[in-house]
Amino acid sequence: METALDKSIMQIAQSLSNGHLKVTEQVAILLPVIRAGANDVSEKEVGEMVYQAGIADTLKAIGDVVTIVMSAGQDEGNVQEVVE
């Protein structure tokens, strides 16, 4: 997540709370999480999911992901934990 966005987890959380996450950033956060659940999806498909779910539900899901990553203490290797 941090690598894909070139931001720290705290900066991502701040962008989320300020409502400054672009759709491309939302997709970059959700793509590895969805793929970790053994779902073979493309970036375009995740973008379509974001559009269909709507901003509120998408940001809530991203908030859940960020919370889990922050509570685990680091970004690397936590995609599997988010899926479980």
PDB file of N, CA and C in Angstrom:
ATOM      1  N   MET A   1       0.831  -1.182   0.000  1.00  0.00           N
ATOM      2  CA  MET A   1       0.000   0.000   0.000  1.00  0.00           C
ATOM      3  C   MET A   1       0.879   1.250   0.000  1.00  0.00           C
ATOM      4  N   GLU A   2       1.832   1.295   0.909  1.00  0.00           N
ATOM      5  CA  GLU A   2       2.718   2.457   0.990  1.00  0.00           C
ATOM      6  C   GLU A   2       3.545   2.594  -0.287  1.00  0.00           C
ATOM      7  N   THR A   3       4.022   1.484  -0.798  1.00  0.00           N
ATOM      8  CA  THR A   3       4.836   1.502  -2.005  1.00  0.00           C
ATOM      9  C   THR A   3       4.022   1.951  -3.209  1.00  0.00           C
ATOM     10  N   ALA A   4       2.829   1.426  -3.352  1.00  0.00           N
ATOM     11  CA  ALA A   4       1.979   1.759  -4.503  1.00  0.00           C
ATOM     12  C   ALA A   4       1.618   3.239  -4.530  1.00  0.00           C
ATOM     13  N   LEU A   5       1.410   3.833  -3.367  1.00  0.00           N
ATOM     14  CA  LEU A   5       0.992   5.234  -3.303  1.00  0.00           C
ATOM     15  C   LEU A   5       2.135   6.196  -2.998  1.00  0.00           C
ATOM     16  N   ASP A   6       3.302   5.644  -2.672  1.00  0.00           N
ATOM     17  CA  ASP A   6       4.448   6.457  -2.267  1.00  0.00           C
ATOM     18  C   ASP A   6       4.071   7.399  -1.121  1.00  0.00           C
ATOM     19  N   LYS A   7       3.328   6.836  -0.157  1.00  0.00           N
ATOM     20  CA  LYS A   7       2.916   7.558   1.051  1.00  0.00           C
ATOM     21  C   LYS A   7       3.040   6.611   2.233  1.00  0.00           C
ATOM     22  N   SER A   8       3.283   7.164   3.405  1.00  0.00           N
ATOM     23  CA  SER A   8       3.287   6.337   4.609  1.00  0.00           C
ATOM     24  C   SER A   8       1.846   5.956   4.953  1.00  0.00           C
ATOM     25  N   ILE A   9       1.697   4.962   5.791  1.00  0.00           N
ATOM     26  CA  ILE A   9       0.355   4.537   6.197  1.00  0.00           C
ATOM     27  C   ILE A   9      -0.377   5.674   6.907  1.00  0.00           C
ATOM     28  N   MET A  10       0.374   6.493   7.641  1.00  0.00           N
ATOM     29  CA  MET A  10      -0.247   7.635   8.313  1.00  0.00           C
ATOM     30  C   MET A  10      -0.727   8.677   7.290  1.00  0.00           C
ATOM     31  N   GLN A  11       0.042   8.895   6.238  1.00  0.00           N
ATOM     32  CA  GLN A  11      -0.370   9.826   5.190  1.00  0.00           C
ATOM     33  C   GLN A  11      -1.608   9.298   4.451  1.00  0.00           C
ATOM     34  N   ILE A  12      -1.661   7.992   4.256  1.00  0.00           N
ATOM     35  CA  ILE A  12      -2.833   7.389   3.616  1.00  0.00           C
ATOM     36  C   ILE A  12      -4.053   7.580   4.505  1.00  0.00           C
ATOM     37  N   ALA A  13      -3.893   7.331   5.796  1.00  0.00           N
ATOM     38  CA  ALA A  13      -5.003   7.519   6.737  1.00  0.00           C
ATOM     39  C   ALA A  13      -5.456   8.974   6.750  1.00  0.00           C
ATOM     40  N   GLN A  14      -4.508   9.894   6.701  1.00  0.00           N
ATOM     41  CA  GLN A  14      -4.835  11.323   6.682  1.00  0.00           C
ATOM     42  C   GLN A  14      -5.585  11.682   5.403  1.00  0.00           C
ATOM     43  N   SER A  15      -5.120  11.185   4.260  1.00  0.00           N
ATOM     44  CA  SER A  15      -5.810  11.437   2.989  1.00  0.00           C
ATOM     45  C   SER A  15      -7.229  10.876   3.022  1.00  0.00           C
ATOM     46  N   LEU A  16      -7.370   9.706   3.626  1.00  0.00           N
ATOM     47  CA  LEU A  16      -8.694   9.088   3.757  1.00  0.00           C
ATOM     48  C   LEU A  16      -9.607   9.956   4.611  1.00  0.00           C
ATOM     49  N   SER A  17      -9.103  10.410   5.751  1.00  0.00           N
ATOM     50  CA  SER A  17      -9.945  11.204   6.648  1.00  0.00           C
ATOM     51  C   SER A  17     -10.284  12.573   6.067  1.00  0.00           C
ATOM     52  N   ASN A  18      -9.406  13.095   5.212  1.00  0.00           N
ATOM     53  CA  ASN A  18      -9.656  14.387   4.567  1.00  0.00           C
ATOM     54  C   ASN A  18     -10.471  14.259   3.284  1.00  0.00           C
ATOM     55  N   GLY A  19     -10.712  13.029   2.850  1.00  0.00           N
ATOM     56  CA  GLY A  19     -11.445  12.816   1.613  1.00  0.00           C
ATOM     57  C   GLY A  19     -10.627  13.128   0.378  1.00  0.00           C
ATOM     58  N   HIS A  20      -9.311  12.965   0.477  1.00  0.00           N
ATOM     59  CA  HIS A  20      -8.422  13.289  -0.636  1.00  0.00           C
ATOM     60  C   HIS A  20      -7.841  12.074  -1.329  1.00  0.00           C
ATOM     61  N   LEU A  21      -8.489  10.921  -1.241  1.00  0.00           N
ATOM     62  CA  LEU A  21      -8.008   9.750  -1.959  1.00  0.00           C
ATOM     63  C   LEU A  21      -8.626   9.724  -3.348  1.00  0.00           C
ATOM     64  N   LYS A  22      -7.780   9.768  -4.359  1.00  0.00           N
ATOM     65  CA  LYS A  22      -8.258   9.677  -5.734  1.00  0.00           C
ATOM     66  C   LYS A  22      -8.747   8.254  -6.001  1.00  0.00           C
ATOM     67  N   VAL A  23      -9.568   8.098  -7.010  1.00  0.00           N
ATOM     68  CA  VAL A  23     -10.068   6.766  -7.361  1.00  0.00           C
ATOM     69  C   VAL A  23      -8.907   5.839  -7.693  1.00  0.00           C
ATOM     70  N   THR A  24      -7.893   6.336  -8.379  1.00  0.00           N
ATOM     71  CA  THR A  24      -6.735   5.484  -8.696  1.00  0.00           C
ATOM     72  C   THR A  24      -6.019   5.027  -7.435  1.00  0.00           C
ATOM     73  N   GLU A  25      -5.986   5.873  -6.418  1.00  0.00           N
ATOM     74  CA  GLU A  25      -5.382   5.483  -5.141  1.00  0.00           C
ATOM     75  C   GLU A  25      -6.259   4.461  -4.419  1.00  0.00           C
ATOM     76  N   GLN A  26      -7.559   4.638  -4.510  1.00  0.00           N
ATOM     77  CA  GLN A  26      -8.483   3.676  -3.908  1.00  0.00           C
ATOM     78  C   GLN A  26      -8.291   2.301  -4.534  1.00  0.00           C
ATOM     79  N   VAL A  27      -8.177   2.270  -5.846  1.00  0.00           N
ATOM     80  CA  VAL A  27      -7.964   1.008  -6.555  1.00  0.00           C
ATOM     81  C   VAL A  27      -6.628   0.396  -6.148  1.00  0.00           C
ATOM     82  N   ALA A  28      -5.577   1.220  -6.037  1.00  0.00           N
ATOM     83  CA  ALA A  28      -4.252   0.727  -5.653  1.00  0.00           C
ATOM     84  C   ALA A  28      -4.259   0.111  -4.254  1.00  0.00           C
ATOM     85  N   ILE A  29      -5.102   0.609  -3.382  1.00  0.00           N
ATOM     86  CA  ILE A  29      -5.218   0.049  -2.031  1.00  0.00           C
ATOM     87  C   ILE A  29      -5.997  -1.261  -2.061  1.00  0.00           C
ATOM     88  N   LEU A  30      -7.098  -1.285  -2.786  1.00  0.00           N
ATOM     89  CA  LEU A  30      -7.985  -2.449  -2.773  1.00  0.00           C
ATOM     90  C   LEU A  30      -7.500  -3.617  -3.629  1.00  0.00           C
ATOM     91  N   LEU A  31      -6.783  -3.346  -4.707  1.00  0.00           N
ATOM     92  CA  LEU A  31      -6.371  -4.397  -5.634  1.00  0.00           C
ATOM     93  C   LEU A  31      -5.604  -5.539  -4.959  1.00  0.00           C
ATOM     94  N   PRO A  32      -4.538  -5.274  -4.200  1.00  0.00           N
ATOM     95  CA  PRO A  32      -3.832  -6.399  -3.577  1.00  0.00           C
ATOM     96  C   PRO A  32      -4.657  -7.110  -2.508  1.00  0.00           C
ATOM     97  N   VAL A  33      -5.543  -6.392  -1.861  1.00  0.00           N
ATOM     98  CA  VAL A  33      -6.397  -7.008  -0.835  1.00  0.00           C
ATOM     99  C   VAL A  33      -7.362  -7.988  -1.493  1.00  0.00           C
ATOM    100  N   ILE A  34      -7.967  -7.562  -2.583  1.00  0.00           N
ATOM    101  CA  ILE A  34      -8.913  -8.438  -3.294  1.00  0.00           C
ATOM    102  C   ILE A  34      -8.180  -9.623  -3.904  1.00  0.00           C
ATOM    103  N   ARG A  35      -7.025  -9.382  -4.467  1.00  0.00           N
ATOM    104  CA  ARG A  35      -6.243 -10.482  -5.055  1.00  0.00           C
ATOM    105  C   ARG A  35      -5.778 -11.475  -4.005  1.00  0.00           C
ATOM    106  N   ALA A  36      -5.499 -11.004  -2.816  1.00  0.00           N
ATOM    107  CA  ALA A  36      -5.053 -11.907  -1.738  1.00  0.00           C
ATOM    108  C   ALA A  36      -6.142 -12.886  -1.345  1.00  0.00           C
ATOM    109  N   GLY A  37      -7.373 -12.557  -1.650  1.00  0.00           N
ATOM    110  CA  GLY A  37      -8.484 -13.465  -1.386  1.00  0.00           C
ATOM    111  C   GLY A  37      -8.677 -14.475  -2.500  1.00  0.00           C
ATOM    112  N   ALA A  38      -7.640 -14.712  -3.288  1.00  0.00           N
ATOM    113  CA  ALA A  38      -7.644 -15.670  -4.400  1.00  0.00           C
ATOM    114  C   ALA A  38      -8.586 -15.245  -5.514  1.00  0.00           C
ATOM    115  N   ASN A  39      -8.747 -13.943  -5.676  1.00  0.00           N
ATOM    116  CA  ASN A  39      -9.571 -13.411  -6.756  1.00  0.00           C
ATOM    117  C   ASN A  39      -8.651 -12.852  -7.830  1.00  0.00           C
ATOM    118  N   ASP A  40      -8.769 -13.381  -9.041  1.00  0.00           N
ATOM    119  CA  ASP A  40      -7.950 -12.921 -10.155  1.00  0.00           C
ATOM    120  C   ASP A  40      -8.673 -11.765 -10.831  1.00  0.00           C
ATOM    121  N   VAL A  41      -8.396 -10.553 -10.374  1.00  0.00           N
ATOM    122  CA  VAL A  41      -9.059  -9.371 -10.912  1.00  0.00           C
ATOM    123  C   VAL A  41      -8.025  -8.391 -11.447  1.00  0.00           C
ATOM    124  N   SER A  42      -8.448  -7.609 -12.412  1.00  0.00           N
ATOM    125  CA  SER A  42      -7.570  -6.590 -12.981  1.00  0.00           C
ATOM    126  C   SER A  42      -7.812  -5.256 -12.285  1.00  0.00           C
ATOM    127  N   GLU A  43      -6.913  -4.335 -12.535  1.00  0.00           N
ATOM    128  CA  GLU A  43      -7.065  -2.989 -11.999  1.00  0.00           C
ATOM    129  C   GLU A  43      -8.368  -2.361 -12.515  1.00  0.00           C
ATOM    130  N   LYS A  44      -8.661  -2.603 -13.785  1.00  0.00           N
ATOM    131  CA  LYS A  44      -9.882  -2.068 -14.383  1.00  0.00           C
ATOM    132  C   LYS A  44     -11.127  -2.638 -13.689  1.00  0.00           C
ATOM    133  N   GLU A  45     -11.115  -3.933 -13.394  1.00  0.00           N
ATOM    134  CA  GLU A  45     -12.256  -4.564 -12.716  1.00  0.00           C
ATOM    135  C   GLU A  45     -12.451  -3.993 -11.311  1.00  0.00           C
ATOM    136  N   VAL A  46     -11.362  -3.744 -10.612  1.00  0.00           N
ATOM    137  CA  VAL A  46     -11.474  -3.152  -9.275  1.00  0.00           C
ATOM    138  C   VAL A  46     -12.023  -1.731  -9.390  1.00  0.00           C
ATOM    139  N   GLY A  47     -11.586  -1.008 -10.404  1.00  0.00           N
ATOM    140  CA  GLY A  47     -12.126   0.328 -10.640  1.00  0.00           C
ATOM    141  C   GLY A  47     -13.627   0.292 -10.869  1.00  0.00           C
ATOM    142  N   GLU A  48     -14.089  -0.705 -11.605  1.00  0.00           N
ATOM    143  CA  GLU A  48     -15.529  -0.868 -11.834  1.00  0.00           C
ATOM    144  C   GLU A  48     -16.257  -1.209 -10.536  1.00  0.00           C
ATOM    145  N   MET A  49     -15.616  -2.022  -9.694  1.00  0.00           N
ATOM    146  CA  MET A  49     -16.203  -2.357  -8.390  1.00  0.00           C
ATOM    147  C   MET A  49     -16.347  -1.105  -7.534  1.00  0.00           C
ATOM    148  N   VAL A  50     -15.306  -0.264  -7.557  1.00  0.00           N
ATOM    149  CA  VAL A  50     -15.336   0.989  -6.794  1.00  0.00           C
ATOM    150  C   VAL A  50     -16.502   1.843  -7.275  1.00  0.00           C
ATOM    151  N   TYR A  51     -16.653   1.954  -8.574  1.00  0.00           N
ATOM    152  CA  TYR A  51     -17.735   2.755  -9.152  1.00  0.00           C
ATOM    153  C   TYR A  51     -19.103   2.195  -8.746  1.00  0.00           C
ATOM    154  N   GLN A  52     -19.256   0.870  -8.822  1.00  0.00           N
ATOM    155  CA  GLN A  52     -20.535   0.241  -8.485  1.00  0.00           C
ATOM    156  C   GLN A  52     -20.852   0.338  -6.997  1.00  0.00           C
ATOM    157  N   ALA A  53     -19.842   0.220  -6.163  1.00  0.00           N
ATOM    158  CA  ALA A  53     -20.064   0.263  -4.709  1.00  0.00           C
ATOM    159  C   ALA A  53     -20.390   1.674  -4.237  1.00  0.00           C
ATOM    160  N   GLY A  54     -19.835   2.659  -4.915  1.00  0.00           N
ATOM    161  CA  GLY A  54     -20.037   4.043  -4.501  1.00  0.00           C
ATOM    162  C   GLY A  54     -18.940   4.500  -3.564  1.00  0.00           C
ATOM    163  N   ILE A  55     -18.810   5.806  -3.460  1.00  0.00           N
ATOM    164  CA  ILE A  55     -17.739   6.412  -2.672  1.00  0.00           C
ATOM    165  C   ILE A  55     -17.818   6.036  -1.197  1.00  0.00           C
ATOM    166  N   ALA A  56     -18.991   6.133  -0.609  1.00  0.00           N
ATOM    167  CA  ALA A  56     -19.114   5.896   0.834  1.00  0.00           C
ATOM    168  C   ALA A  56     -18.701   4.479   1.213  1.00  0.00           C
ATOM    169  N   ASP A  57     -19.214   3.484   0.492  1.00  0.00           N
ATOM    170  CA  ASP A  57     -18.876   2.098   0.815  1.00  0.00           C
ATOM    171  C   ASP A  57     -17.415   1.783   0.523  1.00  0.00           C
ATOM    172  N   THR A  58     -16.900   2.358  -0.560  1.00  0.00           N
ATOM    173  CA  THR A  58     -15.496   2.136  -0.900  1.00  0.00           C
ATOM    174  C   THR A  58     -14.581   2.727   0.167  1.00  0.00           C
ATOM    175  N   LEU A  59     -14.850   3.950   0.584  1.00  0.00           N
ATOM    176  CA  LEU A  59     -14.018   4.578   1.603  1.00  0.00           C
ATOM    177  C   LEU A  59     -14.128   3.863   2.946  1.00  0.00           C
ATOM    178  N   LYS A  60     -15.288   3.326   3.244  1.00  0.00           N
ATOM    179  CA  LYS A  60     -15.442   2.544   4.477  1.00  0.00           C
ATOM    180  C   LYS A  60     -14.571   1.292   4.413  1.00  0.00           C
ATOM    181  N   ALA A  61     -14.602   0.602   3.275  1.00  0.00           N
ATOM    182  CA  ALA A  61     -13.778  -0.602   3.118  1.00  0.00           C
ATOM    183  C   ALA A  61     -12.294  -0.265   3.229  1.00  0.00           C
ATOM    184  N   ILE A  62     -11.886   0.831   2.616  1.00  0.00           N
ATOM    185  CA  ILE A  62     -10.488   1.250   2.695  1.00  0.00           C
ATOM    186  C   ILE A  62     -10.135   1.623   4.130  1.00  0.00           C
ATOM    187  N   GLY A  63     -11.040   2.264   4.826  1.00  0.00           N
ATOM    188  CA  GLY A  63     -10.820   2.582   6.235  1.00  0.00           C
ATOM    189  C   GLY A  63     -10.601   1.332   7.062  1.00  0.00           C
ATOM    190  N   ASP A  64     -11.371   0.297   6.773  1.00  0.00           N
ATOM    191  CA  ASP A  64     -11.195  -0.980   7.474  1.00  0.00           C
ATOM    192  C   ASP A  64      -9.810  -1.563   7.198  1.00  0.00           C
ATOM    193  N   VAL A  65      -9.388  -1.515   5.929  1.00  0.00           N
ATOM    194  CA  VAL A  65      -8.069  -2.035   5.550  1.00  0.00           C
ATOM    195  C   VAL A  65      -6.966  -1.249   6.257  1.00  0.00           C
ATOM    196  N   VAL A  66      -7.048   0.066   6.206  1.00  0.00           N
ATOM    197  CA  VAL A  66      -6.027   0.911   6.835  1.00  0.00           C
ATOM    198  C   VAL A  66      -5.978   0.666   8.342  1.00  0.00           C
ATOM    199  N   THR A  67      -7.125   0.516   8.965  1.00  0.00           N
ATOM    200  CA  THR A  67      -7.170   0.250  10.403  1.00  0.00           C
ATOM    201  C   THR A  67      -6.476  -1.059  10.749  1.00  0.00           C
ATOM    202  N   ILE A  68      -6.729  -2.091   9.974  1.00  0.00           N
ATOM    203  CA  ILE A  68      -6.089  -3.384  10.230  1.00  0.00           C
ATOM    204  C   ILE A  68      -4.584  -3.281  10.047  1.00  0.00           C
ATOM    205  N   VAL A  69      -4.150  -2.608   8.985  1.00  0.00           N
ATOM    206  CA  VAL A  69      -2.717  -2.458   8.739  1.00  0.00           C
ATOM    207  C   VAL A  69      -2.063  -1.675   9.872  1.00  0.00           C
ATOM    208  N   MET A  70      -2.702  -0.596  10.305  1.00  0.00           N
ATOM    209  CA  MET A  70      -2.126   0.216  11.378  1.00  0.00           C
ATOM    210  C   MET A  70      -2.083  -0.546  12.694  1.00  0.00           C
ATOM    211  N   SER A  71      -3.092  -1.339  12.967  1.00  0.00           N
ATOM    212  CA  SER A  71      -3.105  -2.088  14.222  1.00  0.00           C
ATOM    213  C   SER A  71      -2.088  -3.216  14.208  1.00  0.00           C
ATOM    214  N   ALA A  72      -1.723  -3.674  13.012  1.00  0.00           N
ATOM    215  CA  ALA A  72      -0.699  -4.715  12.900  1.00  0.00           C
ATOM    216  C   ALA A  72       0.699  -4.120  13.013  1.00  0.00           C
ATOM    217  N   GLY A  73       0.804  -2.816  12.836  1.00  0.00           N
ATOM    218  CA  GLY A  73       2.067  -2.145  13.057  1.00  0.00           C
ATOM    219  C   GLY A  73       2.940  -1.932  11.843  1.00  0.00           C
ATOM    220  N   GLN A  74       2.572  -2.510  10.705  1.00  0.00           N
ATOM    221  CA  GLN A  74       3.370  -2.300   9.500  1.00  0.00           C
ATOM    222  C   GLN A  74       2.555  -2.646   8.280  1.00  0.00           C
ATOM    223  N   ASP A  75       3.049  -2.226   7.120  1.00  0.00           N
ATOM    224  CA  ASP A  75       2.354  -2.445   5.863  1.00  0.00           C
ATOM    225  C   ASP A  75       2.721  -3.779   5.235  1.00  0.00           C
ATOM    226  N   GLU A  76       3.981  -4.098   5.191  1.00  0.00           N
ATOM    227  CA  GLU A  76       4.461  -5.275   4.477  1.00  0.00           C
ATOM    228  C   GLU A  76       3.881  -6.562   5.062  1.00  0.00           C
ATOM    229  N   GLY A  77       3.337  -7.401   4.189  1.00  0.00           N
ATOM    230  CA  GLY A  77       2.885  -8.718   4.596  1.00  0.00           C
ATOM    231  C   GLY A  77       1.511  -8.751   5.244  1.00  0.00           C
ATOM    232  N   ASN A  78       0.818  -7.644   5.274  1.00  0.00           N
ATOM    233  CA  ASN A  78      -0.453  -7.623   5.977  1.00  0.00           C
ATOM    234  C   ASN A  78      -1.670  -7.827   5.086  1.00  0.00           C
ATOM    235  N   VAL A  79      -1.459  -7.986   3.801  1.00  0.00           N
ATOM    236  CA  VAL A  79      -2.603  -8.188   2.906  1.00  0.00           C
ATOM    237  C   VAL A  79      -3.351  -9.464   3.289  1.00  0.00           C
ATOM    238  N   GLN A  80      -2.626 -10.532   3.585  1.00  0.00           N
ATOM    239  CA  GLN A  80      -3.275 -11.788   3.956  1.00  0.00           C
ATOM    240  C   GLN A  80      -4.090 -11.612   5.227  1.00  0.00           C
ATOM    241  N   GLU A  81      -3.577 -10.861   6.195  1.00  0.00           N
ATOM    242  CA  GLU A  81      -4.308 -10.622   7.441  1.00  0.00           C
ATOM    243  C   GLU A  81      -5.598  -9.873   7.178  1.00  0.00           C
ATOM    244  N   VAL A  82      -5.590  -8.927   6.271  1.00  0.00           N
ATOM    245  CA  VAL A  82      -6.782  -8.158   5.943  1.00  0.00           C
ATOM    246  C   VAL A  82      -7.845  -9.061   5.371  1.00  0.00           C
ATOM    247  N   VAL A  83      -7.445 -10.001   4.527  1.00  0.00           N
ATOM    248  CA  VAL A  83      -8.394 -10.910   3.879  1.00  0.00           C
ATOM    249  C   VAL A  83      -9.032 -11.838   4.886  1.00  0.00           C
ATOM    250  N   GLU A  84      -8.256 -12.288   5.844  1.00  0.00           N
ATOM    251  CA  GLU A  84      -8.778 -13.243   6.834  1.00  0.00           C
ATOM    252  C   GLU A  84      -9.690 -12.517   7.761  1.00  0.00           C
TER     253      GLU A  84
END
